[in-house]
Amino acid sequence: MKRGRKPTIDAADITRAAIAIADAEGLAAVSMARVAQEMGNATMALYRHVKNKDELLALMWDAAMEEPPPLPDGEWRDKLGFWARAVLTAIRRRPWFLQIPISGPPSGPKNLAWLDSALTALEGVPLEPGEKIGVVMGLSTFVQGEARLSFTLSQGFEEDPAQFNHQYGQKLREVVDPRKMPALAKVVEAGVFDLDDVLDVEDLGADFDFGLHLFLEGVAAHIDGKST
């Protein structure tokens, strides 16, 4: 009796399998051998469709992001703020996305769709094309930085809650010398680092909203300055 041939696979199948592993166990668990094992194929069979792990990560980087939602009505700040929050939501669903090394500009269909969506939010705004790209790249960097910070804090809190509650503020008081770091000492004494026993996600959201507001107001000020 002849053994049946293994089902035909392609790069999309391999990418989906890799994403499933990353969702369940984190990005560190992803390897060509592990993906092949999960798919029931020989590792070398994968290399016919994906040349190496770097290419697999690039495929995952694009496929991990869902399609951008339609922009709302309103002025450019409303649209760009909506876009930024949508990016943050998408990343938080798959925080391992932030661990993928980026070696070039976006080229996958989904990442290009997100870029197009952000530029659409800026249509009609009196900025040069290069300035619009600068705004989008700056905003994307801010969003990813905030997502990375909240993910890192959440992980750290789960591992050692004592480091993220009121003890953290007390430890800073012990090591921050007001004579050497007067500005930081004032913030520490104001109780900014005296956190509750539970990491409040809403506080992290408020920090994001504040930073987003400052970013958009800065862009608005730049636009106003161009017209004077």
C-alpha atoms as a PDB file:
ATOM      1  CA  MET A   1       0.000   0.000   0.000  1.00  0.00           C
ATOM      2  CA  LYS A   2       1.473   3.324  -1.074  1.00  0.00           C
ATOM      3  CA  ARG A   3       1.776   6.124   1.446  1.00  0.00           C
ATOM      4  CA  GLY A   4      -0.194   9.233   0.550  1.00  0.00           C
ATOM      5  CA  ARG A   5       1.681  12.383  -0.378  1.00  0.00           C
ATOM      6  CA  LYS A   6       1.785  15.184   2.150  1.00  0.00           C
ATOM      7  CA  PRO A   7      -0.544  18.071   1.349  1.00  0.00           C
ATOM      8  CA  THR A   8       0.956  20.896  -0.688  1.00  0.00           C
ATOM      9  CA  ILE A   9       2.046  23.845   1.431  1.00  0.00           C
ATOM     10  CA  ASP A  10       2.926  27.434   0.598  1.00  0.00           C
ATOM     11  CA  ALA A  11       4.434  30.471   2.298  1.00  0.00           C
ATOM     12  CA  ALA A  12       1.049  31.567   3.646  1.00  0.00           C
ATOM     13  CA  ASP A  13       0.530  28.195   5.349  1.00  0.00           C
ATOM     14  CA  ILE A  14       3.986  28.370   6.891  1.00  0.00           C
ATOM     15  CA  THR A  15       3.383  31.922   8.096  1.00  0.00           C
ATOM     16  CA  ARG A  16       0.060  31.006   9.701  1.00  0.00           C
ATOM     17  CA  ALA A  17       1.668  28.081  11.519  1.00  0.00           C
ATOM     18  CA  ALA A  18       4.492  30.298  12.778  1.00  0.00           C
ATOM     19  CA  ILE A  19       2.022  32.915  14.012  1.00  0.00           C
ATOM     20  CA  ALA A  20       0.055  30.238  15.871  1.00  0.00           C
ATOM     21  CA  ILE A  21       3.243  29.194  17.672  1.00  0.00           C
ATOM     22  CA  ALA A  22       4.108  32.802  18.534  1.00  0.00           C
ATOM     23  CA  ASP A  23       0.578  33.442  19.815  1.00  0.00           C
ATOM     24  CA  ALA A  24       0.736  30.394  22.077  1.00  0.00           C
ATOM     25  CA  GLU A  25       4.350  30.427  23.249  1.00  0.00           C
ATOM     26  CA  GLY A  26       6.008  33.668  22.184  1.00  0.00           C
ATOM     27  CA  LEU A  27       8.310  34.588  19.323  1.00  0.00           C
ATOM     28  CA  ALA A  28      11.306  32.782  20.835  1.00  0.00           C
ATOM     29  CA  ALA A  29       9.569  29.455  20.227  1.00  0.00           C
ATOM     30  CA  VAL A  30       9.419  30.035  16.478  1.00  0.00           C
ATOM     31  CA  SER A  31      11.987  28.241  14.324  1.00  0.00           C
ATOM     32  CA  MET A  32      11.877  26.627  10.926  1.00  0.00           C
ATOM     33  CA  ALA A  33      12.204  23.206  12.534  1.00  0.00           C
ATOM     34  CA  ARG A  34       9.413  23.887  15.022  1.00  0.00           C
ATOM     35  CA  VAL A  35       7.084  25.164  12.313  1.00  0.00           C
ATOM     36  CA  ALA A  36       7.817  22.103  10.201  1.00  0.00           C
ATOM     37  CA  GLN A  37       7.056  19.878  13.181  1.00  0.00           C
ATOM     38  CA  GLU A  38       3.720  21.582  13.793  1.00  0.00           C
ATOM     39  CA  MET A  39       2.822  21.235  10.124  1.00  0.00           C
ATOM     40  CA  GLY A  40       3.902  17.600   9.923  1.00  0.00           C
ATOM     41  CA  ASN A  41       6.500  18.294   7.255  1.00  0.00           C
ATOM     42  CA  ALA A  42      10.246  17.942   6.922  1.00  0.00           C
ATOM     43  CA  THR A  43      12.149  21.131   7.715  1.00  0.00           C
ATOM     44  CA  MET A  44      13.735  21.193   4.261  1.00  0.00           C
ATOM     45  CA  ALA A  45      10.259  21.229   2.706  1.00  0.00           C
ATOM     46  CA  LEU A  46       9.693  24.677   4.215  1.00  0.00           C
ATOM     47  CA  TYR A  47      12.825  26.098   2.607  1.00  0.00           C
ATOM     48  CA  ARG A  48      11.274  25.587  -0.813  1.00  0.00           C
ATOM     49  CA  HIS A  49       8.807  28.347   0.060  1.00  0.00           C
ATOM     50  CA  VAL A  50      10.569  30.463   2.731  1.00  0.00           C
ATOM     51  CA  LYS A  51      14.323  30.783   2.304  1.00  0.00           C
ATOM     52  CA  ASN A  52      15.252  31.337   5.971  1.00  0.00           C
ATOM     53  CA  LYS A  53      13.971  32.431   9.370  1.00  0.00           C
ATOM     54  CA  ASP A  54      14.567  36.108   8.598  1.00  0.00           C
ATOM     55  CA  GLU A  55      12.173  35.880   5.671  1.00  0.00           C
ATOM     56  CA  LEU A  56       9.686  34.020   7.855  1.00  0.00           C
ATOM     57  CA  LEU A  57       9.842  36.796  10.460  1.00  0.00           C
ATOM     58  CA  ALA A  58       9.265  39.388   7.746  1.00  0.00           C
ATOM     59  CA  LEU A  59       6.201  37.481   6.576  1.00  0.00           C
ATOM     60  CA  MET A  60       4.961  37.203  10.159  1.00  0.00           C
ATOM     61  CA  TRP A  61       5.552  40.930  10.731  1.00  0.00           C
ATOM     62  CA  ASP A  62       3.121  41.742   7.947  1.00  0.00           C
ATOM     63  CA  ALA A  63       0.586  38.957   8.475  1.00  0.00           C
ATOM     64  CA  ALA A  64       0.327  39.590  12.226  1.00  0.00           C
ATOM     65  CA  MET A  65      -1.347  42.948  11.637  1.00  0.00           C
ATOM     66  CA  GLU A  66      -5.027  42.936  10.767  1.00  0.00           C
ATOM     67  CA  GLU A  67      -6.356  45.213   8.047  1.00  0.00           C
ATOM     68  CA  PRO A  68      -6.670  48.866   9.139  1.00  0.00           C
ATOM     69  CA  PRO A  69     -10.231  49.891  10.039  1.00  0.00           C
ATOM     70  CA  PRO A  70     -11.961  52.630   8.010  1.00  0.00           C
ATOM     71  CA  LEU A  71     -11.092  56.115   9.187  1.00  0.00           C
ATOM     72  CA  PRO A  72     -13.856  58.107  10.894  1.00  0.00           C
ATOM     73  CA  ASP A  73     -15.222  61.401   9.682  1.00  0.00           C
ATOM     74  CA  GLY A  74     -13.708  64.535  11.135  1.00  0.00           C
ATOM     75  CA  GLU A  75     -10.564  66.615  10.902  1.00  0.00           C
ATOM     76  CA  TRP A  76      -7.100  65.159  10.413  1.00  0.00           C
ATOM     77  CA  ARG A  77      -6.360  65.041  14.167  1.00  0.00           C
ATOM     78  CA  ASP A  78      -9.432  62.884  14.795  1.00  0.00           C
ATOM     79  CA  LYS A  79      -8.468  60.542  11.971  1.00  0.00           C
ATOM     80  CA  LEU A  80      -4.805  60.277  12.907  1.00  0.00           C
ATOM     81  CA  GLY A  81      -5.662  59.785  16.583  1.00  0.00           C
ATOM     82  CA  PHE A  82      -8.061  57.000  15.627  1.00  0.00           C
ATOM     83  CA  TRP A  83      -5.347  55.430  13.473  1.00  0.00           C
ATOM     84  CA  ALA A  84      -2.827  55.538  16.327  1.00  0.00           C
ATOM     85  CA  ARG A  85      -5.232  53.846  18.751  1.00  0.00           C
ATOM     86  CA  ALA A  86      -6.050  51.198  16.140  1.00  0.00           C
ATOM     87  CA  VAL A  87      -2.343  50.431  15.726  1.00  0.00           C
ATOM     88  CA  LEU A  88      -1.954  50.157  19.502  1.00  0.00           C
ATOM     89  CA  THR A  89      -4.924  47.788  19.733  1.00  0.00           C
ATOM     90  CA  ALA A  90      -3.560  45.593  16.944  1.00  0.00           C
ATOM     91  CA  ILE A  91      -0.116  45.376  18.560  1.00  0.00           C
ATOM     92  CA  ARG A  92      -1.524  44.582  21.993  1.00  0.00           C
ATOM     93  CA  ARG A  93      -3.313  41.582  20.508  1.00  0.00           C
ATOM     94  CA  ARG A  94       0.074  40.233  19.419  1.00  0.00           C
ATOM     95  CA  PRO A  95       2.790  41.914  21.509  1.00  0.00           C
ATOM     96  CA  TRP A  96       5.464  39.596  20.093  1.00  0.00           C
ATOM     97  CA  PHE A  97       5.130  41.721  16.941  1.00  0.00           C
ATOM     98  CA  LEU A  98       7.399  44.258  18.661  1.00  0.00           C
ATOM     99  CA  GLN A  99      10.187  41.696  19.040  1.00  0.00           C
ATOM    100  CA  ILE A 100      10.604  41.165  15.307  1.00  0.00           C
ATOM    101  CA  PRO A 101      13.724  43.009  14.080  1.00  0.00           C
ATOM    102  CA  ILE A 102      12.914  45.512  11.343  1.00  0.00           C
ATOM    103  CA  SER A 103      15.581  45.743   8.635  1.00  0.00           C
ATOM    104  CA  GLY A 104      13.801  47.846   6.046  1.00  0.00           C
ATOM    105  CA  PRO A 105      10.756  49.945   5.166  1.00  0.00           C
ATOM    106  CA  PRO A 106       7.286  48.366   5.139  1.00  0.00           C
ATOM    107  CA  SER A 107       6.745  46.295   2.009  1.00  0.00           C
ATOM    108  CA  GLY A 108       4.061  43.737   2.900  1.00  0.00           C
ATOM    109  CA  PRO A 109       0.453  44.377   1.835  1.00  0.00           C
ATOM    110  CA  LYS A 110      -0.965  44.906   5.333  1.00  0.00           C
ATOM    111  CA  ASN A 111       1.790  47.218   6.538  1.00  0.00           C
ATOM    112  CA  LEU A 112       1.473  49.211   3.322  1.00  0.00           C
ATOM    113  CA  ALA A 113      -2.287  49.415   3.904  1.00  0.00           C
ATOM    114  CA  TRP A 114      -1.674  50.892   7.370  1.00  0.00           C
ATOM    115  CA  LEU A 115       0.774  53.398   5.894  1.00  0.00           C
ATOM    116  CA  ASP A 116      -1.747  54.378   3.230  1.00  0.00           C
ATOM    117  CA  SER A 117      -4.449  54.770   5.886  1.00  0.00           C
ATOM    118  CA  ALA A 118      -2.306  57.183   7.912  1.00  0.00           C
ATOM    119  CA  LEU A 119      -1.437  59.216   4.829  1.00  0.00           C
ATOM    120  CA  THR A 120      -5.130  59.297   3.909  1.00  0.00           C
ATOM    121  CA  ALA A 121      -5.793  60.885   7.311  1.00  0.00           C
ATOM    122  CA  LEU A 122      -3.446  63.700   6.278  1.00  0.00           C
ATOM    123  CA  GLU A 123      -5.048  64.370   2.888  1.00  0.00           C
ATOM    124  CA  GLY A 124      -5.741  68.066   2.444  1.00  0.00           C
ATOM    125  CA  VAL A 125      -3.322  69.013   5.234  1.00  0.00           C
ATOM    126  CA  PRO A 126      -0.796  71.653   4.041  1.00  0.00           C
ATOM    127  CA  LEU A 127       2.301  69.503   4.488  1.00  0.00           C
ATOM    128  CA  GLU A 128       4.870  68.408   1.933  1.00  0.00           C
ATOM    129  CA  PRO A 129       4.918  64.684   1.069  1.00  0.00           C
ATOM    130  CA  GLY A 130       8.157  64.215   2.984  1.00  0.00           C
ATOM    131  CA  GLU A 131       6.664  65.967   6.004  1.00  0.00           C
ATOM    132  CA  LYS A 132       3.634  63.689   5.930  1.00  0.00           C
ATOM    133  CA  ILE A 133       5.870  60.621   5.929  1.00  0.00           C
ATOM    134  CA  GLY A 134       7.803  62.156   8.821  1.00  0.00           C
ATOM    135  CA  VAL A 135       4.593  62.652  10.798  1.00  0.00           C
ATOM    136  CA  VAL A 136       3.451  59.074  10.185  1.00  0.00           C
ATOM    137  CA  MET A 137       6.842  57.565  11.021  1.00  0.00           C
ATOM    138  CA  GLY A 138       7.106  59.667  14.172  1.00  0.00           C
ATOM    139  CA  LEU A 139       3.615  58.687  15.283  1.00  0.00           C
ATOM    140  CA  SER A 140       4.267  55.020  14.515  1.00  0.00           C
ATOM    141  CA  THR A 141       7.448  55.143  16.596  1.00  0.00           C
ATOM    142  CA  PHE A 142       5.534  56.713  19.487  1.00  0.00           C
ATOM    143  CA  VAL A 143       2.770  54.092  19.355  1.00  0.00           C
ATOM    144  CA  GLN A 144       5.189  51.175  19.198  1.00  0.00           C
ATOM    145  CA  GLY A 145       7.238  52.649  22.036  1.00  0.00           C
ATOM    146  CA  GLU A 146       4.154  52.989  24.229  1.00  0.00           C
ATOM    147  CA  ALA A 147       3.037  49.459  23.352  1.00  0.00           C
ATOM    148  CA  ARG A 148       6.489  48.084  24.170  1.00  0.00           C
ATOM    149  CA  LEU A 149       6.587  49.961  27.489  1.00  0.00           C
ATOM    150  CA  SER A 150       3.151  48.769  28.609  1.00  0.00           C
ATOM    151  CA  PHE A 151       3.973  45.183  27.599  1.00  0.00           C
ATOM    152  CA  THR A 152       7.292  45.270  29.460  1.00  0.00           C
ATOM    153  CA  LEU A 153       5.684  46.761  32.562  1.00  0.00           C
ATOM    154  CA  SER A 154       2.917  44.171  32.517  1.00  0.00           C
ATOM    155  CA  GLN A 155       5.442  41.347  32.241  1.00  0.00           C
ATOM    156  CA  GLY A 156       7.570  42.787  35.009  1.00  0.00           C
ATOM    157  CA  PHE A 157       4.575  43.263  37.271  1.00  0.00           C
ATOM    158  CA  GLU A 158       3.530  39.644  36.804  1.00  0.00           C
ATOM    159  CA  GLU A 159       7.051  38.438  37.643  1.00  0.00           C
ATOM    160  CA  ASP A 160       7.594  40.676  40.684  1.00  0.00           C
ATOM    161  CA  PRO A 161       4.666  42.906  41.750  1.00  0.00           C
ATOM    162  CA  ALA A 162       6.735  44.437  44.564  1.00  0.00           C
ATOM    163  CA  GLN A 163       8.930  46.173  42.001  1.00  0.00           C
ATOM    164  CA  PHE A 164       5.928  47.954  40.547  1.00  0.00           C
ATOM    165  CA  ASN A 165       3.995  49.100  43.602  1.00  0.00           C
ATOM    166  CA  HIS A 166       4.706  51.688  46.274  1.00  0.00           C
ATOM    167  CA  GLN A 167       8.045  50.016  47.085  1.00  0.00           C
ATOM    168  CA  TYR A 168       9.435  51.228  43.764  1.00  0.00           C
ATOM    169  CA  GLY A 169       8.913  54.858  44.712  1.00  0.00           C
ATOM    170  CA  GLN A 170      10.555  54.258  48.070  1.00  0.00           C
ATOM    171  CA  LYS A 171      13.571  52.625  46.439  1.00  0.00           C
ATOM    172  CA  LEU A 172      13.985  55.618  44.160  1.00  0.00           C
ATOM    173  CA  ARG A 173      13.968  57.922  47.169  1.00  0.00           C
ATOM    174  CA  GLU A 174      16.861  55.904  48.550  1.00  0.00           C
ATOM    175  CA  VAL A 175      19.035  56.074  45.432  1.00  0.00           C
ATOM    176  CA  VAL A 176      18.211  59.453  43.842  1.00  0.00           C
ATOM    177  CA  ASP A 177      20.488  62.157  45.262  1.00  0.00           C
ATOM    178  CA  PRO A 178      18.739  65.572  45.064  1.00  0.00           C
ATOM    179  CA  ARG A 179      22.137  67.276  44.777  1.00  0.00           C
ATOM    180  CA  LYS A 180      23.105  65.289  41.671  1.00  0.00           C
ATOM    181  CA  MET A 181      19.671  64.782  40.117  1.00  0.00           C
ATOM    182  CA  PRO A 182      17.488  67.629  41.390  1.00  0.00           C
ATOM    183  CA  ALA A 183      14.899  67.458  38.598  1.00  0.00           C
ATOM    184  CA  LEU A 184      14.345  63.717  39.037  1.00  0.00           C
ATOM    185  CA  ALA A 185      14.284  64.097  42.817  1.00  0.00           C
ATOM    186  CA  LYS A 186      11.399  66.579  42.576  1.00  0.00           C
ATOM    187  CA  VAL A 187       9.369  64.136  40.504  1.00  0.00           C
ATOM    188  CA  VAL A 188      10.123  61.275  42.892  1.00  0.00           C
ATOM    189  CA  GLU A 189       9.097  63.344  45.906  1.00  0.00           C
ATOM    190  CA  ALA A 190       5.877  64.314  44.131  1.00  0.00           C
ATOM    191  CA  GLY A 191       4.883  60.645  44.352  1.00  0.00           C
ATOM    192  CA  VAL A 192       4.763  59.950  40.620  1.00  0.00           C
ATOM    193  CA  PHE A 193       6.407  56.553  41.146  1.00  0.00           C
ATOM    194  CA  ASP A 194       4.291  55.563  44.157  1.00  0.00           C
ATOM    195  CA  LEU A 195       2.107  53.084  42.326  1.00  0.00           C
ATOM    196  CA  ASP A 196      -0.764  51.006  43.639  1.00  0.00           C
ATOM    197  CA  ASP A 197      -0.515  47.301  44.346  1.00  0.00           C
ATOM    198  CA  VAL A 198      -2.220  46.591  41.023  1.00  0.00           C
ATOM    199  CA  LEU A 199      -0.865  47.769  37.690  1.00  0.00           C
ATOM    200  CA  ASP A 200      -3.659  49.950  36.318  1.00  0.00           C
ATOM    201  CA  VAL A 201      -4.082  49.517  32.569  1.00  0.00           C
ATOM    202  CA  GLU A 202      -6.236  52.660  32.517  1.00  0.00           C
ATOM    203  CA  ASP A 203      -3.284  54.663  33.834  1.00  0.00           C
ATOM    204  CA  LEU A 204      -1.178  53.361  30.962  1.00  0.00           C
ATOM    205  CA  GLY A 205      -3.982  54.360  28.602  1.00  0.00           C
ATOM    206  CA  ALA A 206      -4.056  57.854  30.079  1.00  0.00           C
ATOM    207  CA  ASP A 207      -0.307  58.160  29.509  1.00  0.00           C
ATOM    208  CA  PHE A 208      -0.804  57.126  25.895  1.00  0.00           C
ATOM    209  CA  ASP A 209      -3.626  59.635  25.381  1.00  0.00           C
ATOM    210  CA  PHE A 210      -1.502  62.416  26.882  1.00  0.00           C
ATOM    211  CA  GLY A 211       1.467  61.610  24.666  1.00  0.00           C
ATOM    212  CA  LEU A 212      -0.755  61.323  21.593  1.00  0.00           C
ATOM    213  CA  HIS A 213      -2.332  64.696  22.377  1.00  0.00           C
ATOM    214  CA  LEU A 214       1.091  66.337  22.650  1.00  0.00           C
ATOM    215  CA  PHE A 215       2.240  64.761  19.393  1.00  0.00           C
ATOM    216  CA  LEU A 216      -0.808  65.882  17.428  1.00  0.00           C
ATOM    217  CA  GLU A 217      -0.715  69.367  18.930  1.00  0.00           C
ATOM    218  CA  GLY A 218       2.931  69.615  17.921  1.00  0.00           C
ATOM    219  CA  VAL A 219       2.050  68.722  14.336  1.00  0.00           C
ATOM    220  CA  ALA A 220      -0.783  71.265  14.415  1.00  0.00           C
ATOM    221  CA  ALA A 221       1.596  73.954  15.666  1.00  0.00           C
ATOM    222  CA  HIS A 222       4.002  73.130  12.843  1.00  0.00           C
ATOM    223  CA  ILE A 223       1.187  73.441  10.301  1.00  0.00           C
ATOM    224  CA  ASP A 224       0.080  76.769  11.774  1.00  0.00           C
ATOM    225  CA  GLY A 225       3.669  78.002  11.645  1.00  0.00           C
ATOM    226  CA  LYS A 226       3.870  77.282   7.929  1.00  0.00           C
ATOM    227  CA  SER A 227       0.898  79.555   7.229  1.00  0.00           C
ATOM    228  CA  THR A 228       2.277  82.603   9.061  1.00  0.00           C
END
